[in-house]
């Protein structure tokens, strides 16, 4: 049970500050201004499902693909931990930074039918930073035949964590208008900065985990 809880907390704490659907909710609201409430609810549900599948795929397949190309998992952990720490530092230190493409970024691109995958899921909701964090979390798993039971528990916790992220995307987009009024600019700022510090701590912990595993191999 402890393994499930640990993997769940690691996944939620690692992904939520980067995905941060509360931050991208106003952009979603702006991009869907031309549709009615029923269509917006449908788009919110589809984007949440797409985001869940994209993050889950990155977490499950990303480390395997890197390992297939001959990159050791401890090295992936160290590199991913550096990326996570860097993302956390950017969120913490810079005046304005986000992994999302905002309305201004998408405005200059050719107009096309508003799709639930592009641009609402990617790059608005799940960007390259979110996917790299998911790959890093996926690499931070128990290894070897002796740890199959722990791996199953870890996978269960991670799956539940990604599910929570998907639900948070749906709720933030479904109630985007109310959230924008409730939190305001200052509330969002506090949420982002606090989450960024937690993200930096997670990144450093993953780096240490990778370094420890690498020194044990050599």
C-alpha atoms as a PDB file:
ATOM      1  CA  UNK A   1       0.000   0.000   0.000  1.00  0.00           C
ATOM      2  CA  UNK A   2       2.893   2.361   0.774  1.00  0.00           C
ATOM      3  CA  UNK A   3       4.275   1.791  -2.748  1.00  0.00           C
ATOM      4  CA  UNK A   4       0.911   2.683  -4.297  1.00  0.00           C
ATOM      5  CA  UNK A   5       0.615   5.865  -2.219  1.00  0.00           C
ATOM      6  CA  UNK A   6       4.227   6.883  -2.918  1.00  0.00           C
ATOM      7  CA  UNK A   7       3.853   6.388  -6.679  1.00  0.00           C
ATOM      8  CA  UNK A   8       0.501   8.201  -6.624  1.00  0.00           C
ATOM      9  CA  UNK A   9       1.895  11.210  -4.746  1.00  0.00           C
ATOM     10  CA  UNK A  10       5.025  11.321  -6.903  1.00  0.00           C
ATOM     11  CA  UNK A  11       2.936  11.317 -10.097  1.00  0.00           C
ATOM     12  CA  UNK A  12       0.460  13.970  -8.967  1.00  0.00           C
ATOM     13  CA  UNK A  13       3.096  16.224  -7.380  1.00  0.00           C
ATOM     14  CA  UNK A  14       5.388  15.854 -10.387  1.00  0.00           C
ATOM     15  CA  UNK A  15       2.842  16.393 -13.164  1.00  0.00           C
ATOM     16  CA  UNK A  16       0.318  18.835 -11.701  1.00  0.00           C
ATOM     17  CA  UNK A  17       2.650  21.889 -11.509  1.00  0.00           C
ATOM     18  CA  UNK A  18       3.624  21.419 -15.166  1.00  0.00           C
ATOM     19  CA  UNK A  19       0.259  20.436 -16.637  1.00  0.00           C
ATOM     20  CA  UNK A  20      -1.406  22.988 -14.303  1.00  0.00           C
ATOM     21  CA  UNK A  21      -4.873  22.956 -15.925  1.00  0.00           C
ATOM     22  CA  UNK A  22      -5.956  25.850 -13.705  1.00  0.00           C
ATOM     23  CA  UNK A  23      -3.394  28.063 -15.413  1.00  0.00           C
ATOM     24  CA  UNK A  24      -4.388  26.996 -18.931  1.00  0.00           C
ATOM     25  CA  UNK A  25      -8.151  27.139 -18.221  1.00  0.00           C
ATOM     26  CA  UNK A  26      -8.439  30.838 -19.241  1.00  0.00           C
ATOM     27  CA  UNK A  27      -6.700  30.025 -22.556  1.00  0.00           C
ATOM     28  CA  UNK A  28      -9.124  27.148 -23.102  1.00  0.00           C
ATOM     29  CA  UNK A  29     -12.006  29.505 -22.375  1.00  0.00           C
ATOM     30  CA  UNK A  30     -10.669  32.033 -24.882  1.00  0.00           C
ATOM     31  CA  UNK A  31     -10.095  29.475 -27.634  1.00  0.00           C
ATOM     32  CA  UNK A  32     -13.585  27.996 -27.201  1.00  0.00           C
ATOM     33  CA  UNK A  33     -15.345  31.357 -27.013  1.00  0.00           C
ATOM     34  CA  UNK A  34     -17.138  30.634 -30.286  1.00  0.00           C
ATOM     35  CA  UNK A  35     -18.862  27.444 -29.103  1.00  0.00           C
ATOM     36  CA  UNK A  36     -21.853  26.964 -26.817  1.00  0.00           C
ATOM     37  CA  UNK A  37     -21.719  25.540 -23.289  1.00  0.00           C
ATOM     38  CA  UNK A  38     -22.664  21.996 -24.315  1.00  0.00           C
ATOM     39  CA  UNK A  39     -19.905  21.862 -26.929  1.00  0.00           C
ATOM     40  CA  UNK A  40     -17.403  23.318 -24.469  1.00  0.00           C
ATOM     41  CA  UNK A  41     -18.251  20.598 -21.944  1.00  0.00           C
ATOM     42  CA  UNK A  42     -17.768  17.957 -24.650  1.00  0.00           C
ATOM     43  CA  UNK A  43     -14.410  19.460 -25.633  1.00  0.00           C
ATOM     44  CA  UNK A  44     -13.325  19.555 -21.973  1.00  0.00           C
ATOM     45  CA  UNK A  45     -14.085  15.841 -21.628  1.00  0.00           C
ATOM     46  CA  UNK A  46     -12.245  14.942 -24.832  1.00  0.00           C
ATOM     47  CA  UNK A  47      -9.202  17.040 -23.928  1.00  0.00           C
ATOM     48  CA  UNK A  48      -9.069  15.381 -20.488  1.00  0.00           C
ATOM     49  CA  UNK A  49      -9.156  11.905 -22.081  1.00  0.00           C
ATOM     50  CA  UNK A  50      -6.528  12.859 -24.667  1.00  0.00           C
ATOM     51  CA  UNK A  51      -4.281  14.367 -22.001  1.00  0.00           C
ATOM     52  CA  UNK A  52      -4.635  11.271 -19.816  1.00  0.00           C
ATOM     53  CA  UNK A  53      -3.692   8.949 -22.704  1.00  0.00           C
ATOM     54  CA  UNK A  54      -0.786  11.148 -23.822  1.00  0.00           C
ATOM     55  CA  UNK A  55       0.727  11.316 -20.340  1.00  0.00           C
ATOM     56  CA  UNK A  56       0.135   7.617 -19.693  1.00  0.00           C
ATOM     57  CA  UNK A  57       1.736   6.714 -23.016  1.00  0.00           C
ATOM     58  CA  UNK A  58       4.760   8.913 -22.282  1.00  0.00           C
ATOM     59  CA  UNK A  59       5.130   7.355 -18.834  1.00  0.00           C
ATOM     60  CA  UNK A  60       4.755   3.747 -19.996  1.00  0.00           C
ATOM     61  CA  UNK A  61       6.508   3.787 -23.374  1.00  0.00           C
ATOM     62  CA  UNK A  62       9.013   6.645 -23.034  1.00  0.00           C
ATOM     63  CA  UNK A  63      11.508   4.886 -20.714  1.00  0.00           C
ATOM     64  CA  UNK A  64      11.193   1.646 -22.715  1.00  0.00           C
ATOM     65  CA  UNK A  65      12.020   3.454 -25.975  1.00  0.00           C
ATOM     66  CA  UNK A  66      15.056   5.126 -24.418  1.00  0.00           C
ATOM     67  CA  UNK A  67      16.204   1.791 -23.028  1.00  0.00           C
ATOM     68  CA  UNK A  68      15.682   0.254 -26.489  1.00  0.00           C
ATOM     69  CA  UNK A  69      18.183   2.750 -27.881  1.00  0.00           C
ATOM     70  CA  UNK A  70      20.749   1.649 -25.308  1.00  0.00           C
ATOM     71  CA  UNK A  71      20.296   4.394 -22.703  1.00  0.00           C
ATOM     72  CA  UNK A  72      20.433   3.003 -19.171  1.00  0.00           C
ATOM     73  CA  UNK A  73      17.463   3.740 -16.918  1.00  0.00           C
ATOM     74  CA  UNK A  74      19.624   5.398 -14.194  1.00  0.00           C
ATOM     75  CA  UNK A  75      20.955   7.788 -16.851  1.00  0.00           C
ATOM     76  CA  UNK A  76      17.371   8.542 -17.922  1.00  0.00           C
ATOM     77  CA  UNK A  77      16.534   9.285 -14.286  1.00  0.00           C
ATOM     78  CA  UNK A  78      19.441  11.702 -13.911  1.00  0.00           C
ATOM     79  CA  UNK A  79      18.681  13.488 -17.198  1.00  0.00           C
ATOM     80  CA  UNK A  80      14.957  13.576 -16.441  1.00  0.00           C
ATOM     81  CA  UNK A  81      15.607  14.784 -12.903  1.00  0.00           C
ATOM     82  CA  UNK A  82      17.674  17.649 -14.313  1.00  0.00           C
ATOM     83  CA  UNK A  83      14.802  18.547 -16.658  1.00  0.00           C
ATOM     84  CA  UNK A  84      12.262  18.426 -13.807  1.00  0.00           C
ATOM     85  CA  UNK A  85      14.494  20.549 -11.559  1.00  0.00           C
ATOM     86  CA  UNK A  86      15.036  23.026 -14.391  1.00  0.00           C
ATOM     87  CA  UNK A  87      11.299  23.300 -15.057  1.00  0.00           C
ATOM     88  CA  UNK A  88      10.628  23.836 -11.369  1.00  0.00           C
ATOM     89  CA  UNK A  89      13.313  26.534 -11.188  1.00  0.00           C
ATOM     90  CA  UNK A  90      11.854  28.332 -14.204  1.00  0.00           C
ATOM     91  CA  UNK A  91       8.392  28.290 -12.658  1.00  0.00           C
ATOM     92  CA  UNK A  92       9.811  29.517  -9.365  1.00  0.00           C
ATOM     93  CA  UNK A  93      12.198  32.219 -10.555  1.00  0.00           C
ATOM     94  CA  UNK A  94      10.891  33.667 -13.787  1.00  0.00           C
ATOM     95  CA  UNK A  95       8.207  36.300 -13.832  1.00  0.00           C
ATOM     96  CA  UNK A  96       6.130  34.508 -16.448  1.00  0.00           C
ATOM     97  CA  UNK A  97       6.775  30.982 -17.657  1.00  0.00           C
ATOM     98  CA  UNK A  98       4.580  28.121 -18.719  1.00  0.00           C
ATOM     99  CA  UNK A  99       4.769  24.770 -20.483  1.00  0.00           C
ATOM    100  CA  UNK A 100       1.539  25.670 -22.257  1.00  0.00           C
ATOM    101  CA  UNK A 101       1.023  27.516 -25.513  1.00  0.00           C
ATOM    102  CA  UNK A 102      -1.225  30.455 -24.715  1.00  0.00           C
ATOM    103  CA  UNK A 103      -3.741  32.255 -26.871  1.00  0.00           C
ATOM    104  CA  UNK A 104      -1.078  34.672 -28.139  1.00  0.00           C
ATOM    105  CA  UNK A 105       1.202  31.807 -29.240  1.00  0.00           C
ATOM    106  CA  UNK A 106      -1.581  30.117 -31.179  1.00  0.00           C
ATOM    107  CA  UNK A 107      -3.002  33.295 -32.657  1.00  0.00           C
ATOM    108  CA  UNK A 108      -0.297  33.624 -35.303  1.00  0.00           C
ATOM    109  CA  UNK A 109      -0.729  30.103 -36.610  1.00  0.00           C
ATOM    110  CA  UNK A 110      -2.982  29.338 -39.587  1.00  0.00           C
ATOM    111  CA  UNK A 111      -6.637  29.145 -38.636  1.00  0.00           C
ATOM    112  CA  UNK A 112      -8.200  25.705 -38.793  1.00  0.00           C
ATOM    113  CA  UNK A 113     -11.123  23.899 -37.230  1.00  0.00           C
ATOM    114  CA  UNK A 114     -10.744  23.827 -33.450  1.00  0.00           C
ATOM    115  CA  UNK A 115      -9.748  20.270 -32.594  1.00  0.00           C
ATOM    116  CA  UNK A 116      -9.803  18.487 -29.249  1.00  0.00           C
ATOM    117  CA  UNK A 117      -6.242  17.197 -29.822  1.00  0.00           C
ATOM    118  CA  UNK A 118      -4.649  20.150 -31.616  1.00  0.00           C
ATOM    119  CA  UNK A 119      -4.440  22.755 -30.262  1.00  0.00           C
ATOM    120  CA  UNK A 120      -6.495  22.081 -27.121  1.00  0.00           C
ATOM    121  CA  UNK A 121      -4.693  18.961 -25.865  1.00  0.00           C
ATOM    122  CA  UNK A 122      -1.275  19.625 -27.358  1.00  0.00           C
ATOM    123  CA  UNK A 123       0.309  22.123 -26.983  1.00  0.00           C
ATOM    124  CA  UNK A 124      -2.249  23.979 -24.816  1.00  0.00           C
ATOM    125  CA  UNK A 125      -2.686  21.353 -22.076  1.00  0.00           C
ATOM    126  CA  UNK A 126       0.156  18.823 -22.381  1.00  0.00           C
ATOM    127  CA  UNK A 127       3.425  20.280 -23.667  1.00  0.00           C
ATOM    128  CA  UNK A 128       6.942  18.870 -24.067  1.00  0.00           C
ATOM    129  CA  UNK A 129       7.749  19.662 -20.435  1.00  0.00           C
ATOM    130  CA  UNK A 130       4.796  17.618 -19.203  1.00  0.00           C
ATOM    131  CA  UNK A 131       5.776  14.673 -21.400  1.00  0.00           C
ATOM    132  CA  UNK A 132       9.408  14.754 -20.253  1.00  0.00           C
ATOM    133  CA  UNK A 133       8.278  14.743 -16.625  1.00  0.00           C
ATOM    134  CA  UNK A 134       5.991  11.762 -17.350  1.00  0.00           C
ATOM    135  CA  UNK A 135       8.902   9.876 -18.952  1.00  0.00           C
ATOM    136  CA  UNK A 136      11.078  10.644 -15.921  1.00  0.00           C
ATOM    137  CA  UNK A 137       8.427   9.378 -13.495  1.00  0.00           C
ATOM    138  CA  UNK A 138       8.003   6.253 -15.624  1.00  0.00           C
ATOM    139  CA  UNK A 139      11.743   5.572 -15.440  1.00  0.00           C
ATOM    140  CA  UNK A 140      11.703   5.845 -11.649  1.00  0.00           C
ATOM    141  CA  UNK A 141      10.223   2.370 -11.234  1.00  0.00           C
ATOM    142  CA  UNK A 142      11.398  -0.812  -9.471  1.00  0.00           C
ATOM    143  CA  UNK A 143      13.411  -3.118 -11.743  1.00  0.00           C
ATOM    144  CA  UNK A 144      14.159  -6.822 -11.967  1.00  0.00           C
ATOM    145  CA  UNK A 145      12.104 -10.022 -11.571  1.00  0.00           C
ATOM    146  CA  UNK A 146      12.427  -9.815  -7.785  1.00  0.00           C
ATOM    147  CA  UNK A 147      10.486  -6.548  -7.776  1.00  0.00           C
ATOM    148  CA  UNK A 148       7.516  -7.555  -9.928  1.00  0.00           C
ATOM    149  CA  UNK A 149       5.039  -7.135  -7.097  1.00  0.00           C
ATOM    150  CA  UNK A 150       6.476  -3.714  -6.250  1.00  0.00           C
ATOM    151  CA  UNK A 151       6.358  -2.799  -9.945  1.00  0.00           C
ATOM    152  CA  UNK A 152       2.656  -3.711 -10.063  1.00  0.00           C
ATOM    153  CA  UNK A 153       1.970  -1.536  -7.005  1.00  0.00           C
ATOM    154  CA  UNK A 154       4.050   1.312  -8.456  1.00  0.00           C
ATOM    155  CA  UNK A 155       2.173   1.080 -11.777  1.00  0.00           C
ATOM    156  CA  UNK A 156      -1.166   1.136  -9.953  1.00  0.00           C
ATOM    157  CA  UNK A 157      -0.231   4.271  -8.013  1.00  0.00           C
ATOM    158  CA  UNK A 158       1.125   5.992 -11.134  1.00  0.00           C
ATOM    159  CA  UNK A 159      -2.017   5.102 -13.115  1.00  0.00           C
ATOM    160  CA  UNK A 160      -4.231   6.549 -10.385  1.00  0.00           C
ATOM    161  CA  UNK A 161      -2.039   9.680 -10.329  1.00  0.00           C
ATOM    162  CA  UNK A 162      -2.392  10.227 -14.085  1.00  0.00           C
ATOM    163  CA  UNK A 163      -6.135   9.618 -13.733  1.00  0.00           C
ATOM    164  CA  UNK A 164      -6.318  12.392 -11.125  1.00  0.00           C
ATOM    165  CA  UNK A 165      -4.466  14.707 -13.524  1.00  0.00           C
ATOM    166  CA  UNK A 166      -6.999  13.848 -16.245  1.00  0.00           C
ATOM    167  CA  UNK A 167      -9.912  14.564 -13.904  1.00  0.00           C
ATOM    168  CA  UNK A 168      -8.321  17.862 -12.845  1.00  0.00           C
ATOM    169  CA  UNK A 169      -8.012  18.868 -16.519  1.00  0.00           C
ATOM    170  CA  UNK A 170     -11.711  18.142 -17.062  1.00  0.00           C
ATOM    171  CA  UNK A 171     -12.839  20.018 -13.943  1.00  0.00           C
ATOM    172  CA  UNK A 172     -10.610  23.029 -14.649  1.00  0.00           C
ATOM    173  CA  UNK A 173     -11.832  23.309 -18.249  1.00  0.00           C
ATOM    174  CA  UNK A 174     -15.429  22.450 -17.420  1.00  0.00           C
ATOM    175  CA  UNK A 175     -15.584  25.243 -14.832  1.00  0.00           C
ATOM    176  CA  UNK A 176     -12.975  27.526 -16.443  1.00  0.00           C
ATOM    177  CA  UNK A 177     -15.054  30.682 -16.167  1.00  0.00           C
ATOM    178  CA  UNK A 178     -15.773  30.235 -12.450  1.00  0.00           C
ATOM    179  CA  UNK A 179     -12.167  29.253 -11.635  1.00  0.00           C
ATOM    180  CA  UNK A 180     -10.787  32.367 -13.295  1.00  0.00           C
ATOM    181  CA  UNK A 181     -13.028  34.537 -11.130  1.00  0.00           C
ATOM    182  CA  UNK A 182     -12.442  32.533  -7.934  1.00  0.00           C
ATOM    183  CA  UNK A 183      -8.641  32.386  -7.902  1.00  0.00           C
ATOM    184  CA  UNK A 184      -7.741  35.606  -9.632  1.00  0.00           C
ATOM    185  CA  UNK A 185      -4.186  36.485 -10.675  1.00  0.00           C
ATOM    186  CA  UNK A 186      -2.723  36.454  -7.147  1.00  0.00           C
ATOM    187  CA  UNK A 187      -4.229  33.076  -6.215  1.00  0.00           C
ATOM    188  CA  UNK A 188      -2.875  31.494  -9.372  1.00  0.00           C
ATOM    189  CA  UNK A 189       0.551  33.020  -8.690  1.00  0.00           C
ATOM    190  CA  UNK A 190       0.701  31.495  -5.196  1.00  0.00           C
ATOM    191  CA  UNK A 191      -0.386  28.084  -6.520  1.00  0.00           C
ATOM    192  CA  UNK A 192       2.242  28.071  -9.282  1.00  0.00           C
ATOM    193  CA  UNK A 193       5.141  29.177  -7.029  1.00  0.00           C
ATOM    194  CA  UNK A 194       4.353  26.687  -4.282  1.00  0.00           C
ATOM    195  CA  UNK A 195       3.973  23.849  -6.764  1.00  0.00           C
ATOM    196  CA  UNK A 196       7.257  24.852  -8.427  1.00  0.00           C
ATOM    197  CA  UNK A 197       9.217  24.410  -5.203  1.00  0.00           C
ATOM    198  CA  UNK A 198       7.755  20.931  -4.696  1.00  0.00           C
ATOM    199  CA  UNK A 199       8.649  20.119  -8.311  1.00  0.00           C
ATOM    200  CA  UNK A 200      12.278  21.151  -7.739  1.00  0.00           C
ATOM    201  CA  UNK A 201      12.496  18.873  -4.684  1.00  0.00           C
ATOM    202  CA  UNK A 202      11.094  15.963  -6.723  1.00  0.00           C
ATOM    203  CA  UNK A 203      13.632  16.613  -9.488  1.00  0.00           C
ATOM    204  CA  UNK A 204      16.563  16.547  -7.066  1.00  0.00           C
ATOM    205  CA  UNK A 205      15.270  13.355  -5.464  1.00  0.00           C
ATOM    206  CA  UNK A 206      15.026  11.668  -8.894  1.00  0.00           C
ATOM    207  CA  UNK A 207      18.589  12.786  -9.748  1.00  0.00           C
ATOM    208  CA  UNK A 208      19.843  11.256  -6.495  1.00  0.00           C
ATOM    209  CA  UNK A 209      17.919   8.042  -7.194  1.00  0.00           C
ATOM    210  CA  UNK A 210      19.510   7.772 -10.642  1.00  0.00           C
ATOM    211  CA  UNK A 211      22.977   8.557  -9.333  1.00  0.00           C
ATOM    212  CA  UNK A 212      22.671   5.950  -6.573  1.00  0.00           C
ATOM    213  CA  UNK A 213      21.538   3.293  -9.071  1.00  0.00           C
ATOM    214  CA  UNK A 214      24.357   4.205 -11.473  1.00  0.00           C
ATOM    215  CA  UNK A 215      27.084   3.969  -8.825  1.00  0.00           C
ATOM    216  CA  UNK A 216      25.659   0.622  -7.668  1.00  0.00           C
ATOM    217  CA  UNK A 217      26.010  -0.726 -11.228  1.00  0.00           C
ATOM    218  CA  UNK A 218      29.634   0.348 -11.427  1.00  0.00           C
END
